[in-house]
C-alpha atoms as a PDB file:
ATOM      1  CA  GLN A   1     -96.889 -59.145  -9.401  1.00  0.00           C
ATOM      2  CA  THR A   2    -100.786 -59.373 -10.494  1.00  0.00           C
ATOM      3  CA  PHE A   3    -103.455 -61.654  -9.568  1.00  0.00           C
ATOM      4  CA  LEU A   4    -105.111 -61.055 -13.071  1.00  0.00           C
ATOM      5  CA  GLU A   5    -104.009 -60.011 -16.832  1.00  0.00           C
ATOM      6  CA  VAL A   6    -106.291 -59.171 -19.743  1.00  0.00           C
ATOM      7  CA  LYS A   7    -104.575 -60.698 -22.819  1.00  0.00           C
ATOM      8  CA  VAL A   8    -104.768 -59.685 -26.658  1.00  0.00           C
ATOM      9  CA  TYR A   9    -103.482 -61.640 -29.585  1.00  0.00           C
ATOM     10  CA  ASN A  10    -100.771 -59.924 -31.565  1.00  0.00           C
ATOM     11  CA  SER A  11    -100.917 -61.783 -34.945  1.00  0.00           C
ATOM     12  CA  SER A  12     -97.936 -60.204 -36.630  1.00  0.00           C
ATOM     13  CA  ALA A  13     -95.945 -61.184 -33.448  1.00  0.00           C
ATOM     14  CA  ASP A  14     -97.343 -64.580 -32.923  1.00  0.00           C
ATOM     15  CA  ALA A  15     -97.851 -63.759 -29.602  1.00  0.00           C
ATOM     16  CA  TRP A  16    -100.541 -62.632 -26.441  1.00  0.00           C
ATOM     17  CA  VAL A  17     -99.791 -59.139 -25.222  1.00  0.00           C
ATOM     18  CA  VAL A  18    -101.164 -57.869 -21.604  1.00  0.00           C
ATOM     19  CA  VAL A  19    -103.560 -54.929 -21.605  1.00  0.00           C
ATOM     20  CA  HIS A  20    -104.944 -54.381 -18.160  1.00  0.00           C
ATOM     21  CA  THR A  21    -103.853 -56.103 -15.359  1.00  0.00           C
ATOM     22  CA  ASP A  22    -105.848 -55.626 -11.821  1.00  0.00           C
ATOM     23  CA  ASP A  23    -103.982 -52.467 -11.392  1.00  0.00           C
ATOM     24  CA  ASP A  24    -106.584 -50.933 -14.086  1.00  0.00           C
ATOM     25  CA  ARG A  25    -109.798 -49.139 -13.464  1.00  0.00           C
ATOM     26  CA  CYS A  26    -111.318 -51.347 -15.620  1.00  0.00           C
ATOM     27  CA  THR A  27    -110.750 -54.613 -13.886  1.00  0.00           C
ATOM     28  CA  LYS A  28    -111.989 -55.971 -10.354  1.00  0.00           C
ATOM     29  CA  PHE A  29    -110.898 -59.027  -8.997  1.00  0.00           C
ATOM     30  CA  THR A  30    -112.639 -60.184  -5.873  1.00  0.00           C
ATOM     31  CA  TRP A  31    -111.844 -63.147  -3.476  1.00  0.00           C
ATOM     32  CA  ASP A  32    -114.236 -65.254  -1.529  1.00  0.00           C
ATOM     33  CA  ARG A  33    -114.182 -68.405   0.390  1.00  0.00           C
ATOM     34  CA  PRO A  34    -117.977 -68.937   0.064  1.00  0.00           C
ATOM     35  CA  LYS A  35    -118.225 -71.973   2.660  1.00  0.00           C
ATOM     36  CA  GLY A  36    -116.919 -69.999   5.405  1.00  0.00           C
ATOM     37  CA  ARG A  37    -113.882 -68.867   6.522  1.00  0.00           C
ATOM     38  CA  PHE A  38    -112.535 -72.539   7.722  1.00  0.00           C
ATOM     39  CA  SER A  39    -113.531 -74.058   4.139  1.00  0.00           C
ATOM     40  CA  SER A  40    -110.451 -74.650   1.767  1.00  0.00           C
ATOM     41  CA  GLU A  41    -112.251 -73.717  -1.140  1.00  0.00           C
ATOM     42  CA  SER A  42    -112.107 -70.421  -2.371  1.00  0.00           C
ATOM     43  CA  THR A  43    -113.362 -68.637  -5.496  1.00  0.00           C
ATOM     44  CA  VAL A  44    -112.230 -65.622  -7.463  1.00  0.00           C
ATOM     45  CA  THR A  45    -114.178 -63.431  -9.781  1.00  0.00           C
ATOM     46  CA  VAL A  46    -112.841 -61.106 -12.594  1.00  0.00           C
ATOM     47  CA  HIS A  47    -114.617 -58.455 -13.796  1.00  0.00           C
ATOM     48  CA  TRP A  48    -113.145 -56.282 -17.129  1.00  0.00           C
ATOM     49  CA  GLU A  49    -115.320 -53.369 -18.329  1.00  0.00           C
ATOM     50  CA  VAL A  50    -114.416 -53.375 -21.867  1.00  0.00           C
ATOM     51  CA  LEU A  51    -114.165 -49.630 -22.636  1.00  0.00           C
ATOM     52  CA  ASP A  52    -114.898 -47.790 -26.167  1.00  0.00           C
ATOM     53  CA  GLU A  53    -111.674 -47.772 -27.375  1.00  0.00           C
ATOM     54  CA  VAL A  54    -111.064 -51.298 -27.175  1.00  0.00           C
ATOM     55  CA  VAL A  55    -108.832 -52.843 -30.152  1.00  0.00           C
ATOM     56  CA  HIS A  56    -111.518 -55.559 -31.638  1.00  0.00           C
ATOM     57  CA  GLY A  57    -109.729 -58.928 -31.575  1.00  0.00           C
ATOM     58  CA  LYS A  58    -108.860 -61.927 -29.771  1.00  0.00           C
ATOM     59  CA  TYR A  59    -108.514 -62.055 -25.808  1.00  0.00           C
ATOM     60  CA  ARG A  60    -108.187 -63.880 -22.821  1.00  0.00           C
ATOM     61  CA  ILE A  61    -108.136 -63.637 -19.315  1.00  0.00           C
ATOM     62  CA  LYS A  62    -105.360 -64.922 -16.883  1.00  0.00           C
ATOM     63  CA  HIS A  63    -105.420 -65.649 -13.341  1.00  0.00           C
ATOM     64  CA  TYR A  64    -102.187 -66.259 -11.073  1.00  0.00           C
ATOM     65  CA  GLY A  65    -102.984 -67.386  -7.501  1.00  0.00           C
ATOM     66  CA  ASP A  66    -101.549 -69.218  -4.345  1.00  0.00           C
ATOM     67  CA  ALA A  67    -103.175 -72.407  -3.044  1.00  0.00           C
ATOM     68  CA  LYS A  68    -102.660 -73.430   0.718  1.00  0.00           C
ATOM     69  CA  SER A  69    -102.262 -76.788   1.934  1.00  0.00           C
ATOM     70  CA  LEU A  70    -103.431 -78.370   4.837  1.00  0.00           C
ATOM     71  CA  ASP A  71     -99.809 -78.163   6.568  1.00  0.00           C
ATOM     72  CA  GLY A  72     -99.773 -74.435   5.355  1.00  0.00           C
ATOM     73  CA  GLN A  73     -97.500 -75.185   2.136  1.00  0.00           C
ATOM     74  CA  VAL A  74     -97.999 -72.429  -0.581  1.00  0.00           C
ATOM     75  CA  THR A  75     -98.030 -73.381  -3.739  1.00  0.00           C
ATOM     76  CA  ALA A  76     -98.160 -71.223  -6.812  1.00  0.00           C
ATOM     77  CA  PHE A  77    -100.782 -71.973  -9.394  1.00  0.00           C
ATOM     78  CA  GLU A  78    -102.346 -69.976 -12.895  1.00  0.00           C
ATOM     79  CA  GLY A  79    -105.719 -70.310 -14.733  1.00  0.00           C
ATOM     80  CA  THR A  80    -106.195 -69.024 -18.426  1.00  0.00           C
ATOM     81  CA  SER A  81    -109.772 -68.743 -19.661  1.00  0.00           C
ATOM     82  CA  ARG A  82    -110.619 -69.685 -23.325  1.00  0.00           C
ATOM     83  CA  ASN A  83    -110.227 -67.442 -26.018  1.00  0.00           C
ATOM     84  CA  PHE A  84    -112.915 -64.921 -26.564  1.00  0.00           C
ATOM     85  CA  GLY A  85    -113.794 -62.218 -29.166  1.00  0.00           C
ATOM     86  CA  VAL A  86    -114.083 -58.719 -28.826  1.00  0.00           C
ATOM     87  CA  GLY A  87    -116.170 -56.602 -31.651  1.00  0.00           C
ATOM     88  CA  ALA A  88    -118.833 -54.547 -31.862  1.00  0.00           C
ATOM     89  CA  ALA A  89    -121.365 -57.166 -31.761  1.00  0.00           C
ATOM     90  CA  MET A  90    -119.824 -58.791 -29.220  1.00  0.00           C
ATOM     91  CA  LEU A  91    -120.178 -56.077 -26.683  1.00  0.00           C
ATOM     92  CA  THR A  92    -122.908 -55.986 -23.905  1.00  0.00           C
ATOM     93  CA  LYS A  93    -125.416 -53.441 -23.204  1.00  0.00           C
ATOM     94  CA  HIS A  94    -123.274 -52.442 -20.128  1.00  0.00           C
ATOM     95  CA  GLY A  95    -119.712 -53.029 -22.095  1.00  0.00           C
ATOM     96  CA  VAL A  96    -119.125 -55.789 -20.140  1.00  0.00           C
ATOM     97  CA  VAL A  97    -117.604 -59.549 -21.152  1.00  0.00           C
ATOM     98  CA  ARG A  98    -117.789 -62.179 -18.743  1.00  0.00           C
ATOM     99  CA  GLN A  99    -115.640 -65.496 -19.334  1.00  0.00           C
ATOM    100  CA  GLY A 100    -114.964 -67.777 -16.903  1.00  0.00           C
ATOM    101  CA  LEU A 101    -111.744 -69.715 -16.362  1.00  0.00           C
ATOM    102  CA  GLY A 102    -110.509 -73.192 -16.664  1.00  0.00           C
ATOM    103  CA  ASP A 103    -109.231 -75.550 -14.215  1.00  0.00           C
ATOM    104  CA  ALA A 104    -106.416 -74.480 -12.740  1.00  0.00           C
ATOM    105  CA  PRO A 105    -103.513 -77.268 -13.065  1.00  0.00           C
END
């Protein structure tokens, strides 16, 4: 199981292919409770360092998580970013692409 996946679109297979997870050195996943430890709200931040050898193309980031209700029930959810391009002109000075995730269902 993973908390995040970086996926690239493979047009010949018409499929999204996982190229990185939270187990890779180029990704970082942080979880925080910004309103304090007793708050029901939490946030995650996904960082992906785009390395020089990255394949240029269409990417997206997927997050897998669990929500816990006040009565202790745990429900799995997932969220996927909008698609974004990675290419020579898209890389920032430090090689980092920043993308927000959409709302989880």
